[in-house]
Amino acid sequence: YCRPSCAARHPRRENVRFFATAKQAEAAGLRACLRCRPNDVA
């Protein structure tokens, strides 16, 4: 999972799901992007 502003190449839309918080994304089994570090937003 990434920040909206992540500079990485955009994924295909059908592969994307949006989460309100990093905790929700992690609860769904996702890990934080090492490039944009979305869990540092707070």
Full PDB file with SEQRES, HELIX, SHEET, SSBOND, CRYST1, ORIGX, SCALE, CONECT and MASTER records, all heavy atoms in Angstrom:
SEQRES   1 A   42  TYR CYS ARG PRO SER CYS ALA ALA ARG HIS PRO ARG ARG          
SEQRES   2 A   42  GLU ASN VAL ARG PHE PHE ALA THR ALA LYS GLN ALA GLU          
SEQRES   3 A   42  ALA ALA GLY LEU ARG ALA CYS LEU ARG CYS ARG PRO ASN          
SEQRES   4 A   42  ASP VAL ALA                                                  
HELIX    1 AA1 ARG A   13  ASN A   15  5                                   3    
HELIX    2 AA2 ALA A   22  ALA A   27  1                                   6    
HELIX    3 AA3 PRO A   38  ASP A   40  5                                   3    
CRYST1    1.000    1.000    1.000  90.00  90.00  90.00 P 1           1          
ORIGX1      1.000000  0.000000  0.000000        0.00000                         
ORIGX2      0.000000  1.000000  0.000000        0.00000                         
ORIGX3      0.000000  0.000000  1.000000        0.00000                         
SCALE1      1.000000  0.000000  0.000000        0.00000                         
SCALE2      0.000000  1.000000  0.000000        0.00000                         
SCALE3      0.000000  0.000000  1.000000        0.00000                         
ATOM      1  N   TYR A   1       0.847  -1.196   0.000  1.00  0.00           N  
ATOM      2  CA  TYR A   1       0.000   0.000   0.000  1.00  0.00           C  
ATOM      3  C   TYR A   1       0.880   1.244   0.000  1.00  0.00           C  
ATOM      4  O   TYR A   1       1.996   1.242   0.528  1.00  0.00           O  
ATOM      5  CB  TYR A   1      -0.978   0.004   1.189  1.00  0.00           C  
ATOM      6  CG  TYR A   1      -0.377   0.190   2.560  1.00  0.00           C  
ATOM      7  CD1 TYR A   1      -0.280   1.457   3.136  1.00  0.00           C  
ATOM      8  CD2 TYR A   1       0.045  -0.905   3.320  1.00  0.00           C  
ATOM      9  CE1 TYR A   1       0.232   1.632   4.407  1.00  0.00           C  
ATOM     10  CE2 TYR A   1       0.566  -0.744   4.595  1.00  0.00           C  
ATOM     11  CZ  TYR A   1       0.660   0.533   5.135  1.00  0.00           C  
ATOM     12  OH  TYR A   1       1.175   0.708   6.397  1.00  0.00           O  
ATOM     13  N   CYS A   2       0.371   2.318  -0.628  1.00  0.00           N  
ATOM     14  CA  CYS A   2       1.156   3.534  -0.875  1.00  0.00           C  
ATOM     15  C   CYS A   2       0.370   4.789  -0.524  1.00  0.00           C  
ATOM     16  O   CYS A   2      -0.845   4.763  -0.370  1.00  0.00           O  
ATOM     17  CB  CYS A   2       1.543   3.634  -2.353  1.00  0.00           C  
ATOM     18  SG  CYS A   2       2.461   2.235  -3.002  1.00  0.00           S  
ATOM     19  N   ARG A   3       1.095   5.889  -0.460  1.00  0.00           N  
ATOM     20  CA  ARG A   3       0.455   7.203  -0.410  1.00  0.00           C  
ATOM     21  C   ARG A   3      -0.146   7.500  -1.786  1.00  0.00           C  
ATOM     22  O   ARG A   3       0.348   6.994  -2.806  1.00  0.00           O  
ATOM     23  CB  ARG A   3       1.473   8.305  -0.112  1.00  0.00           C  
ATOM     24  CG  ARG A   3       2.228   8.182   1.187  1.00  0.00           C  
ATOM     25  CD  ARG A   3       3.111   9.404   1.369  1.00  0.00           C  
ATOM     26  NE  ARG A   3       4.014   9.250   2.505  1.00  0.00           N  
ATOM     27  CZ  ARG A   3       4.385  10.238   3.309  1.00  0.00           C  
ATOM     28  NH1 ARG A   3       3.919  11.457   3.083  1.00  0.00           N  
ATOM     29  NH2 ARG A   3       5.212  10.031   4.313  1.00  0.00           N  
ATOM     30  N   PRO A   4      -1.146   8.359  -1.869  1.00  0.00           N  
ATOM     31  CA  PRO A   4      -1.657   8.766  -3.181  1.00  0.00           C  
ATOM     32  C   PRO A   4      -0.586   9.401  -4.057  1.00  0.00           C  
ATOM     33  O   PRO A   4      -0.626   9.281  -5.285  1.00  0.00           O  
ATOM     34  CB  PRO A   4      -2.757   9.777  -2.837  1.00  0.00           C  
ATOM     35  CG  PRO A   4      -3.199   9.385  -1.465  1.00  0.00           C  
ATOM     36  CD  PRO A   4      -1.974   8.887  -0.760  1.00  0.00           C  
ATOM     37  N   SER A   5       0.384  10.073  -3.438  1.00  0.00           N  
ATOM     38  CA  SER A   5       1.404  10.790  -4.201  1.00  0.00           C  
ATOM     39  C   SER A   5       2.623   9.943  -4.550  1.00  0.00           C  
ATOM     40  O   SER A   5       3.599  10.470  -5.091  1.00  0.00           O  
ATOM     41  CB  SER A   5       1.871  12.012  -3.406  1.00  0.00           C  
ATOM     42  OG  SER A   5       2.532  11.604  -2.210  1.00  0.00           O  
ATOM     43  N   CYS A   6       2.589   8.668  -4.256  1.00  0.00           N  
ATOM     44  CA  CYS A   6       3.766   7.817  -4.479  1.00  0.00           C  
ATOM     45  C   CYS A   6       4.279   7.966  -5.915  1.00  0.00           C  
ATOM     46  O   CYS A   6       3.513   7.962  -6.882  1.00  0.00           O  
ATOM     47  CB  CYS A   6       3.424   6.356  -4.206  1.00  0.00           C  
ATOM     48  SG  CYS A   6       4.866   5.256  -4.322  1.00  0.00           S  
ATOM     49  N   ALA A   7       5.605   8.089  -6.039  1.00  0.00           N  
ATOM     50  CA  ALA A   7       6.221   8.305  -7.351  1.00  0.00           C  
ATOM     51  C   ALA A   7       6.403   7.017  -8.145  1.00  0.00           C  
ATOM     52  O   ALA A   7       6.841   7.055  -9.309  1.00  0.00           O  
ATOM     53  CB  ALA A   7       7.579   8.985  -7.167  1.00  0.00           C  
ATOM     54  N   ALA A   8       6.064   5.881  -7.553  1.00  0.00           N  
ATOM     55  CA  ALA A   8       6.209   4.611  -8.272  1.00  0.00           C  
ATOM     56  C   ALA A   8       5.242   4.546  -9.461  1.00  0.00           C  
ATOM     57  O   ALA A   8       4.257   5.287  -9.533  1.00  0.00           O  
ATOM     58  CB  ALA A   8       5.955   3.444  -7.324  1.00  0.00           C  
ATOM     59  N   ARG A   9       5.522   3.652 -10.374  1.00  0.00           N  
ATOM     60  CA  ARG A   9       4.663   3.485 -11.559  1.00  0.00           C  
ATOM     61  C   ARG A   9       3.233   3.145 -11.131  1.00  0.00           C  
ATOM     62  O   ARG A   9       3.016   2.343 -10.216  1.00  0.00           O  
ATOM     63  CB  ARG A   9       5.222   2.371 -12.431  1.00  0.00           C  
ATOM     64  CG  ARG A   9       4.453   2.148 -13.727  1.00  0.00           C  
ATOM     65  CD  ARG A   9       5.123   1.054 -14.531  1.00  0.00           C  
ATOM     66  NE  ARG A   9       4.390   0.798 -15.764  1.00  0.00           N  
ATOM     67  CZ  ARG A   9       4.743  -0.118 -16.670  1.00  0.00           C  
ATOM     68  NH1 ARG A   9       5.830  -0.846 -16.458  1.00  0.00           N  
ATOM     69  NH2 ARG A   9       4.022  -0.291 -17.748  1.00  0.00           N  
ATOM     70  N   HIS A  10       2.271   3.751 -11.790  1.00  0.00           N  
ATOM     71  CA  HIS A  10       0.879   3.530 -11.410  1.00  0.00           C  
ATOM     72  C   HIS A  10       0.438   2.085 -11.694  1.00  0.00           C  
ATOM     73  O   HIS A  10       0.750   1.544 -12.769  1.00  0.00           O  
ATOM     74  CB  HIS A  10      -0.049   4.474 -12.183  1.00  0.00           C  
ATOM     75  CG  HIS A  10       0.036   5.896 -11.717  1.00  0.00           C  
ATOM     76  ND1 HIS A  10       0.056   6.976 -12.567  1.00  0.00           N  
ATOM     77  CD2 HIS A  10       0.115   6.412 -10.460  1.00  0.00           C  
ATOM     78  CE1 HIS A  10       0.129   8.085 -11.872  1.00  0.00           C  
ATOM     79  NE2 HIS A  10       0.178   7.779 -10.599  1.00  0.00           N  
ATOM     80  N   PRO A  11      -0.295   1.488 -10.745  1.00  0.00           N  
ATOM     81  CA  PRO A  11      -0.836   0.147 -10.978  1.00  0.00           C  
ATOM     82  C   PRO A  11      -2.059   0.222 -11.894  1.00  0.00           C  
ATOM     83  O   PRO A  11      -2.580   1.303 -12.180  1.00  0.00           O  
ATOM     84  CB  PRO A  11      -1.243  -0.301  -9.571  1.00  0.00           C  
ATOM     85  CG  PRO A  11      -1.599   0.969  -8.868  1.00  0.00           C  
ATOM     86  CD  PRO A  11      -0.665   2.017  -9.409  1.00  0.00           C  
ATOM     87  N   ARG A  12      -2.517  -0.928 -12.363  1.00  0.00           N  
ATOM     88  CA  ARG A  12      -3.766  -0.975 -13.120  1.00  0.00           C  
ATOM     89  C   ARG A  12      -4.925  -0.739 -12.160  1.00  0.00           C  
ATOM     90  O   ARG A  12      -4.909  -1.206 -11.021  1.00  0.00           O  
ATOM     91  CB  ARG A  12      -3.908  -2.321 -13.818  1.00  0.00           C  
ATOM     92  CG  ARG A  12      -2.835  -2.579 -14.882  1.00  0.00           C  
ATOM     93  CD  ARG A  12      -2.931  -4.002 -15.416  1.00  0.00           C  
ATOM     94  NE  ARG A  12      -4.193  -4.197 -16.139  1.00  0.00           N  
ATOM     95  CZ  ARG A  12      -4.346  -3.955 -17.441  1.00  0.00           C  
ATOM     96  NH1 ARG A  12      -3.331  -3.496 -18.161  1.00  0.00           N  
ATOM     97  NH2 ARG A  12      -5.516  -4.156 -18.036  1.00  0.00           N  
ATOM     98  N   ARG A  13      -5.925  -0.033 -12.648  1.00  0.00           N  
ATOM     99  CA  ARG A  13      -7.039   0.348 -11.771  1.00  0.00           C  
ATOM    100  C   ARG A  13      -7.732  -0.865 -11.170  1.00  0.00           C  
ATOM    101  O   ARG A  13      -8.120  -0.850  -9.989  1.00  0.00           O  
ATOM    102  CB  ARG A  13      -8.059   1.186 -12.572  1.00  0.00           C  
ATOM    103  CG  ARG A  13      -9.315   1.557 -11.778  1.00  0.00           C  
ATOM    104  CD  ARG A  13      -8.978   2.446 -10.596  1.00  0.00           C  
ATOM    105  NE  ARG A  13     -10.140   2.749  -9.753  1.00  0.00           N  
ATOM    106  CZ  ARG A  13     -10.537   2.013  -8.725  1.00  0.00           C  
ATOM    107  NH1 ARG A  13      -9.869   0.904  -8.393  1.00  0.00           N  
ATOM    108  NH2 ARG A  13     -11.592   2.358  -8.009  1.00  0.00           N  
ATOM    109  N   GLU A  14      -7.879  -1.921 -11.932  1.00  0.00           N  
ATOM    110  CA  GLU A  14      -8.611  -3.074 -11.421  1.00  0.00           C  
ATOM    111  C   GLU A  14      -7.862  -3.802 -10.299  1.00  0.00           C  
ATOM    112  O   GLU A  14      -8.442  -4.634  -9.590  1.00  0.00           O  
ATOM    113  CB  GLU A  14      -8.919  -4.056 -12.551  1.00  0.00           C  
ATOM    114  CG  GLU A  14      -7.690  -4.603 -13.274  1.00  0.00           C  
ATOM    115  CD  GLU A  14      -7.352  -3.821 -14.521  1.00  0.00           C  
ATOM    116  OE1 GLU A  14      -7.677  -2.607 -14.573  1.00  0.00           O  
ATOM    117  OE2 GLU A  14      -6.763  -4.410 -15.445  1.00  0.00           O  
ATOM    118  N   ASN A  15      -6.572  -3.485 -10.124  1.00  0.00           N  
ATOM    119  CA  ASN A  15      -5.782  -4.121  -9.071  1.00  0.00           C  
ATOM    120  C   ASN A  15      -5.730  -3.295  -7.786  1.00  0.00           C  
ATOM    121  O   ASN A  15      -5.053  -3.681  -6.831  1.00  0.00           O  
ATOM    122  CB  ASN A  15      -4.350  -4.364  -9.558  1.00  0.00           C  
ATOM    123  CG  ASN A  15      -4.301  -5.331 -10.722  1.00  0.00           C  
ATOM    124  OD1 ASN A  15      -5.154  -6.218 -10.837  1.00  0.00           O  
ATOM    125  ND2 ASN A  15      -3.318  -5.171 -11.591  1.00  0.00           N  
ATOM    126  N   VAL A  16      -6.440  -2.175  -7.790  1.00  0.00           N  
ATOM    127  CA  VAL A  16      -6.337  -1.215  -6.684  1.00  0.00           C  
ATOM    128  C   VAL A  16      -7.573  -1.261  -5.783  1.00  0.00           C  
ATOM    129  O   VAL A  16      -8.703  -1.374  -6.262  1.00  0.00           O  
ATOM    130  CB  VAL A  16      -6.150   0.215  -7.235  1.00  0.00           C  
ATOM    131  CG1 VAL A  16      -6.318   1.252  -6.126  1.00  0.00           C  
ATOM    132  CG2 VAL A  16      -4.782   0.354  -7.870  1.00  0.00           C  
ATOM    133  N   ARG A  17      -7.308  -1.148  -4.486  1.00  0.00           N  
ATOM    134  CA  ARG A  17      -8.373  -0.976  -3.506  1.00  0.00           C  
ATOM    135  C   ARG A  17      -7.941   0.136  -2.563  1.00  0.00           C  
ATOM    136  O   ARG A  17      -6.753   0.224  -2.197  1.00  0.00           O  
ATOM    137  CB  ARG A  17      -8.599  -2.278  -2.728  1.00  0.00           C  
ATOM    138  CG  ARG A  17      -9.701  -2.200  -1.664  1.00  0.00           C  
ATOM    139  CD  ARG A  17      -9.826  -3.530  -0.931  1.00  0.00           C  
ATOM    140  NE  ARG A  17     -10.638  -3.405   0.278  1.00  0.00           N  
ATOM    141  CZ  ARG A  17     -10.720  -4.328   1.229  1.00  0.00           C  
ATOM    142  NH1 ARG A  17     -10.027  -5.472   1.102  1.00  0.00           N  
ATOM    143  NH2 ARG A  17     -11.475  -4.139   2.296  1.00  0.00           N  
ATOM    144  N   PHE A  18      -8.869   0.992  -2.164  1.00  0.00           N  
ATOM    145  CA  PHE A  18      -8.542   2.130  -1.314  1.00  0.00           C  
ATOM    146  C   PHE A  18      -8.928   1.849   0.135  1.00  0.00           C  
ATOM    147  O   PHE A  18      -9.974   1.253   0.408  1.00  0.00           O  
ATOM    148  CB  PHE A  18      -9.249   3.389  -1.819  1.00  0.00           C  
ATOM    149  CG  PHE A  18      -8.865   3.760  -3.221  1.00  0.00           C  
ATOM    150  CD1 PHE A  18      -9.778   3.651  -4.257  1.00  0.00           C  
ATOM    151  CD2 PHE A  18      -7.582   4.209  -3.511  1.00  0.00           C  
ATOM    152  CE1 PHE A  18      -9.430   3.969  -5.554  1.00  0.00           C  
ATOM    153  CE2 PHE A  18      -7.218   4.532  -4.809  1.00  0.00           C  
ATOM    154  CZ  PHE A  18      -8.148   4.418  -5.833  1.00  0.00           C  
ATOM    155  N   PHE A  19      -8.070   2.300   1.048  1.00  0.00           N  
ATOM    156  CA  PHE A  19      -8.301   2.125   2.485  1.00  0.00           C  
ATOM    157  C   PHE A  19      -8.203   3.485   3.171  1.00  0.00           C  
ATOM    158  O   PHE A  19      -7.363   4.321   2.806  1.00  0.00           O  
ATOM    159  CB  PHE A  19      -7.262   1.179   3.094  1.00  0.00           C  
ATOM    160  CG  PHE A  19      -7.275  -0.207   2.507  1.00  0.00           C  
ATOM    161  CD1 PHE A  19      -6.516  -0.504   1.387  1.00  0.00           C  
ATOM    162  CD2 PHE A  19      -8.061  -1.207   3.073  1.00  0.00           C  
ATOM    163  CE1 PHE A  19      -6.527  -1.778   0.844  1.00  0.00           C  
ATOM    164  CE2 PHE A  19      -8.078  -2.484   2.536  1.00  0.00           C  
ATOM    165  CZ  PHE A  19      -7.311  -2.780   1.417  1.00  0.00           C  
ATOM    166  N   ALA A  20      -9.037   3.688   4.164  1.00  0.00           N  
ATOM    167  CA  ALA A  20      -9.047   4.973   4.868  1.00  0.00           C  
ATOM    168  C   ALA A  20      -7.774   5.178   5.683  1.00  0.00           C  
ATOM    169  O   ALA A  20      -7.303   6.306   5.834  1.00  0.00           O  
ATOM    170  CB  ALA A  20     -10.270   5.072   5.774  1.00  0.00           C  
ATOM    171  N   THR A  21      -7.192   4.109   6.221  1.00  0.00           N  
ATOM    172  CA  THR A  21      -6.002   4.213   7.059  1.00  0.00           C  
ATOM    173  C   THR A  21      -5.000   3.123   6.718  1.00  0.00           C  
ATOM    174  O   THR A  21      -5.341   2.089   6.123  1.00  0.00           O  
ATOM    175  CB  THR A  21      -6.362   4.088   8.548  1.00  0.00           C  
ATOM    176  OG1 THR A  21      -6.859   2.754   8.799  1.00  0.00           O  
ATOM    177  CG2 THR A  21      -7.417   5.104   8.956  1.00  0.00           C  
ATOM    178  N   ALA A  22      -3.759   3.349   7.139  1.00  0.00           N  
ATOM    179  CA  ALA A  22      -2.717   2.345   6.959  1.00  0.00           C  
ATOM    180  C   ALA A  22      -3.050   1.080   7.753  1.00  0.00           C  
ATOM    181  O   ALA A  22      -2.783  -0.041   7.301  1.00  0.00           O  
ATOM    182  CB  ALA A  22      -1.378   2.913   7.400  1.00  0.00           C  
ATOM    183  N   LYS A  23      -3.657   1.244   8.924  1.00  0.00           N  
ATOM    184  CA  LYS A  23      -4.001   0.076   9.741  1.00  0.00           C  
ATOM    185  C   LYS A  23      -4.994  -0.829   9.018  1.00  0.00           C  
ATOM    186  O   LYS A  23      -4.897  -2.058   9.085  1.00  0.00           O  
ATOM    187  CB  LYS A  23      -4.569   0.525  11.086  1.00  0.00           C  
ATOM    188  CG  LYS A  23      -3.525   1.084  12.041  1.00  0.00           C  
ATOM    189  CD  LYS A  23      -4.136   1.400  13.399  1.00  0.00           C  
ATOM    190  CE  LYS A  23      -3.071   1.891  14.365  1.00  0.00           C  
ATOM    191  NZ  LYS A  23      -3.650   2.207  15.705  1.00  0.00           N  
ATOM    192  N   GLN A  24      -5.954  -0.232   8.319  1.00  0.00           N  
ATOM    193  CA  GLN A  24      -6.916  -1.035   7.568  1.00  0.00           C  
ATOM    194  C   GLN A  24      -6.233  -1.799   6.440  1.00  0.00           C  
ATOM    195  O   GLN A  24      -6.557  -2.960   6.174  1.00  0.00           O  
ATOM    196  CB  GLN A  24      -8.025  -0.136   7.011  1.00  0.00           C  
ATOM    197  CG  GLN A  24      -8.966   0.421   8.066  1.00  0.00           C  
ATOM    198  CD  GLN A  24     -10.044   1.296   7.468  1.00  0.00           C  
ATOM    199  OE1 GLN A  24     -10.169   1.413   6.246  1.00  0.00           O  
ATOM    200  NE2 GLN A  24     -10.838   1.932   8.327  1.00  0.00           N  
ATOM    201  N   ALA A  25      -5.282  -1.142   5.782  1.00  0.00           N  
ATOM    202  CA  ALA A  25      -4.553  -1.814   4.708  1.00  0.00           C  
ATOM    203  C   ALA A  25      -3.737  -2.980   5.253  1.00  0.00           C  
ATOM    204  O   ALA A  25      -3.688  -4.069   4.654  1.00  0.00           O  
ATOM    205  CB  ALA A  25      -3.651  -0.815   3.989  1.00  0.00           C  
ATOM    206  N   GLU A  26      -3.112  -2.772   6.392  1.00  0.00           N  
ATOM    207  CA  GLU A  26      -2.307  -3.835   6.998  1.00  0.00           C  
ATOM    208  C   GLU A  26      -3.188  -4.980   7.482  1.00  0.00           C  
ATOM    209  O   GLU A  26      -2.796  -6.150   7.409  1.00  0.00           O  
ATOM    210  CB  GLU A  26      -1.467  -3.249   8.126  1.00  0.00           C  
ATOM    211  CG  GLU A  26      -0.353  -2.339   7.609  1.00  0.00           C  
ATOM    212  CD  GLU A  26       0.359  -1.575   8.716  1.00  0.00           C  
ATOM    213  OE1 GLU A  26      -0.001  -1.775   9.899  1.00  0.00           O  
ATOM    214  OE2 GLU A  26       1.263  -0.789   8.391  1.00  0.00           O  
ATOM    215  N   ALA A  27      -4.386  -4.649   7.963  1.00  0.00           N  
ATOM    216  CA  ALA A  27      -5.314  -5.695   8.389  1.00  0.00           C  
ATOM    217  C   ALA A  27      -5.758  -6.552   7.212  1.00  0.00           C  
ATOM    218  O   ALA A  27      -6.129  -7.728   7.389  1.00  0.00           O  
ATOM    219  CB  ALA A  27      -6.533  -5.062   9.074  1.00  0.00           C  
ATOM    220  N   ALA A  28      -5.700  -5.979   5.998  1.00  0.00           N  
ATOM    221  CA  ALA A  28      -6.050  -6.725   4.787  1.00  0.00           C  
ATOM    222  C   ALA A  28      -4.857  -7.495   4.231  1.00  0.00           C  
ATOM    223  O   ALA A  28      -4.951  -8.087   3.146  1.00  0.00           O  
ATOM    224  CB  ALA A  28      -6.589  -5.770   3.723  1.00  0.00           C  
ATOM    225  N   GLY A  29      -3.733  -7.479   4.955  1.00  0.00           N  
ATOM    226  CA  GLY A  29      -2.566  -8.254   4.554  1.00  0.00           C  
ATOM    227  C   GLY A  29      -1.550  -7.508   3.730  1.00  0.00           C  
ATOM    228  O   GLY A  29      -0.614  -8.124   3.193  1.00  0.00           O  
ATOM    229  N   LEU A  30      -1.671  -6.192   3.619  1.00  0.00           N  
ATOM    230  CA  LEU A  30      -0.743  -5.411   2.810  1.00  0.00           C  
ATOM    231  C   LEU A  30       0.384  -4.849   3.676  1.00  0.00           C  
ATOM    232  O   LEU A  30       0.235  -4.662   4.879  1.00  0.00           O  
ATOM    233  CB  LEU A  30      -1.465  -4.263   2.109  1.00  0.00           C  
ATOM    234  CG  LEU A  30      -2.672  -4.648   1.240  1.00  0.00           C  
ATOM    235  CD1 LEU A  30      -3.301  -3.407   0.623  1.00  0.00           C  
ATOM    236  CD2 LEU A  30      -2.254  -5.634   0.152  1.00  0.00           C  
ATOM    237  N   ARG A  31       1.521  -4.572   3.039  1.00  0.00           N  
ATOM    238  CA  ARG A  31       2.653  -3.970   3.749  1.00  0.00           C  
ATOM    239  C   ARG A  31       2.978  -2.614   3.131  1.00  0.00           C  
ATOM    240  O   ARG A  31       2.680  -2.359   1.955  1.00  0.00           O  
ATOM    241  CB  ARG A  31       3.880  -4.885   3.689  1.00  0.00           C  
ATOM    242  CG  ARG A  31       4.431  -5.123   2.298  1.00  0.00           C  
ATOM    243  CD  ARG A  31       5.549  -6.154   2.319  1.00  0.00           C  
ATOM    244  NE  ARG A  31       6.183  -6.305   1.011  1.00  0.00           N  
ATOM    245  CZ  ARG A  31       5.699  -7.007   0.011  1.00  0.00           C  
ATOM    246  NH1 ARG A  31       4.545  -7.673   0.166  1.00  0.00           N  
ATOM    247  NH2 ARG A  31       6.355  -7.076  -1.139  1.00  0.00           N  
ATOM    248  N   ALA A  32       3.619  -1.761   3.922  1.00  0.00           N  
ATOM    249  CA  ALA A  32       3.882  -0.386   3.496  1.00  0.00           C  
ATOM    250  C   ALA A  32       4.944  -0.331   2.404  1.00  0.00           C  
ATOM    251  O   ALA A  32       5.935  -1.064   2.430  1.00  0.00           O  
ATOM    252  CB  ALA A  32       4.327   0.453   4.689  1.00  0.00           C  
ATOM    253  N   CYS A  33       4.737   0.559   1.452  1.00  0.00           N  
ATOM    254  CA  CYS A  33       5.708   0.811   0.387  1.00  0.00           C  
ATOM    255  C   CYS A  33       6.978   1.407   0.994  1.00  0.00           C  
ATOM    256  O   CYS A  33       6.920   2.347   1.794  1.00  0.00           O  
ATOM    257  CB  CYS A  33       5.110   1.788  -0.629  1.00  0.00           C  
ATOM    258  SG  CYS A  33       6.256   2.391  -1.875  1.00  0.00           S  
ATOM    259  N   LEU A  34       8.128   0.878   0.610  1.00  0.00           N  
ATOM    260  CA  LEU A  34       9.390   1.375   1.138  1.00  0.00           C  
ATOM    261  C   LEU A  34       9.827   2.660   0.454  1.00  0.00           C  
ATOM    262  O   LEU A  34      10.730   3.342   0.933  1.00  0.00           O  
ATOM    263  CB  LEU A  34      10.476   0.305   0.979  1.00  0.00           C  
ATOM    264  CG  LEU A  34      10.269  -0.989   1.771  1.00  0.00           C  
ATOM    265  CD1 LEU A  34      11.393  -1.964   1.490  1.00  0.00           C  
ATOM    266  CD2 LEU A  34      10.182  -0.686   3.264  1.00  0.00           C  
ATOM    267  N   ARG A  35       9.179   2.986  -0.648  1.00  0.00           N  
ATOM    268  CA  ARG A  35       9.555   4.199  -1.380  1.00  0.00           C  
ATOM    269  C   ARG A  35       8.870   5.441  -0.820  1.00  0.00           C  
ATOM    270  O   ARG A  35       9.512   6.451  -0.546  1.00  0.00           O  
ATOM    271  CB  ARG A  35       9.214   4.045  -2.863  1.00  0.00           C  
ATOM    272  CG  ARG A  35       9.640   5.229  -3.723  1.00  0.00           C  
ATOM    273  CD  ARG A  35       9.514   4.896  -5.200  1.00  0.00           C  
ATOM    274  NE  ARG A  35      10.027   5.965  -6.036  1.00  0.00           N  
ATOM    275  CZ  ARG A  35      10.155   5.880  -7.359  1.00  0.00           C  
ATOM    276  NH1 ARG A  35       9.822   4.763  -7.989  1.00  0.00           N  
ATOM    277  NH2 ARG A  35      10.628   6.900  -8.051  1.00  0.00           N  
ATOM    278  N   CYS A  36       7.547   5.385  -0.625  1.00  0.00           N  
ATOM    279  CA  CYS A  36       6.813   6.573  -0.154  1.00  0.00           C  
ATOM    280  C   CYS A  36       6.498   6.542   1.337  1.00  0.00           C  
ATOM    281  O   CYS A  36       6.054   7.536   1.892  1.00  0.00           O  
ATOM    282  CB  CYS A  36       5.527   6.750  -0.958  1.00  0.00           C  
ATOM    283  SG  CYS A  36       4.280   5.451  -0.664  1.00  0.00           S  
ATOM    284  N   ARG A  37       6.715   5.377   1.993  1.00  0.00           N  
ATOM    285  CA  ARG A  37       6.524   5.226   3.440  1.00  0.00           C  
ATOM    286  C   ARG A  37       5.197   5.824   3.927  1.00  0.00           C  
ATOM    287  O   ARG A  37       5.168   6.793   4.692  1.00  0.00           O  
ATOM    288  CB  ARG A  37       7.702   5.869   4.194  1.00  0.00           C  
ATOM    289  CG  ARG A  37       9.037   5.237   3.846  1.00  0.00           C  
ATOM    290  CD  ARG A  37      10.166   5.789   4.673  1.00  0.00           C  
ATOM    291  NE  ARG A  37      11.431   5.200   4.294  1.00  0.00           N  
ATOM    292  CZ  ARG A  37      11.895   4.024   4.709  1.00  0.00           C  
ATOM    293  NH1 ARG A  37      11.153   3.312   5.550  1.00  0.00           N  
ATOM    294  NH2 ARG A  37      13.071   3.581   4.310  1.00  0.00           N  
ATOM    295  N   PRO A  38       4.084   5.258   3.507  1.00  0.00           N  
ATOM    296  CA  PRO A  38       2.777   5.829   3.860  1.00  0.00           C  
ATOM    297  C   PRO A  38       2.464   5.782   5.342  1.00  0.00           C  
ATOM    298  O   PRO A  38       1.638   6.564   5.828  1.00  0.00           O  
ATOM    299  CB  PRO A  38       1.800   4.956   3.064  1.00  0.00           C  
ATOM    300  CG  PRO A  38       2.517   3.656   2.878  1.00  0.00           C  
ATOM    301  CD  PRO A  38       3.959   4.032   2.689  1.00  0.00           C  
ATOM    302  N   ASN A  39       3.112   4.894   6.080  1.00  0.00           N  
ATOM    303  CA  ASN A  39       2.839   4.818   7.520  1.00  0.00           C  
ATOM    304  C   ASN A  39       3.556   5.918   8.302  1.00  0.00           C  
ATOM    305  O   ASN A  39       3.421   6.004   9.519  1.00  0.00           O  
ATOM    306  CB  ASN A  39       3.211   3.441   8.085  1.00  0.00           C  
ATOM    307  CG  ASN A  39       4.566   2.960   7.588  1.00  0.00           C  
ATOM    308  OD1 ASN A  39       5.202   3.617   6.773  1.00  0.00           O  
ATOM    309  ND2 ASN A  39       4.998   1.820   8.080  1.00  0.00           N  
ATOM    310  N   ASP A  40       4.313   6.793   7.607  1.00  0.00           N  
ATOM    311  CA  ASP A  40       4.943   7.930   8.267  1.00  0.00           C  
ATOM    312  C   ASP A  40       4.075   9.184   8.209  1.00  0.00           C  
ATOM    313  O   ASP A  40       4.460  10.228   8.737  1.00  0.00           O  
ATOM    314  CB  ASP A  40       6.299   8.251   7.612  1.00  0.00           C  
ATOM    315  CG  ASP A  40       7.403   7.302   8.060  1.00  0.00           C  
ATOM    316  OD1 ASP A  40       7.163   6.538   9.016  1.00  0.00           O  
ATOM    317  OD2 ASP A  40       8.485   7.321   7.448  1.00  0.00           O  
ATOM    318  N   VAL A  41       2.914   9.101   7.546  1.00  0.00           N  
ATOM    319  CA  VAL A  41       2.081  10.291   7.378  1.00  0.00           C  
ATOM    320  C   VAL A  41       1.682  10.879   8.720  1.00  0.00           C  
ATOM    321  O   VAL A  41       1.753  12.095   8.941  1.00  0.00           O  
ATOM    322  CB  VAL A  41       0.817   9.973   6.539  1.00  0.00           C  
ATOM    323  CG1 VAL A  41      -0.137  11.156   6.543  1.00  0.00           C  
ATOM    324  CG2 VAL A  41       1.212   9.623   5.112  1.00  0.00           C  
ATOM    325  N   ALA A  42       1.253  10.036   9.650  1.00  0.00           N  
ATOM    326  CA  ALA A  42       0.834  10.523  10.969  1.00  0.00           C  
ATOM    327  C   ALA A  42       1.994  11.215  11.682  1.00  0.00           C  
ATOM    328  O   ALA A  42       1.820  12.247  12.335  1.00  0.00           O  
ATOM    329  CB  ALA A  42       0.295   9.375  11.811  1.00  0.00           C  
TER     330      ALA A  42                                                      
MASTER        0    0    0    3    0    0    0    6  329    1    0    4          
END                                                                             
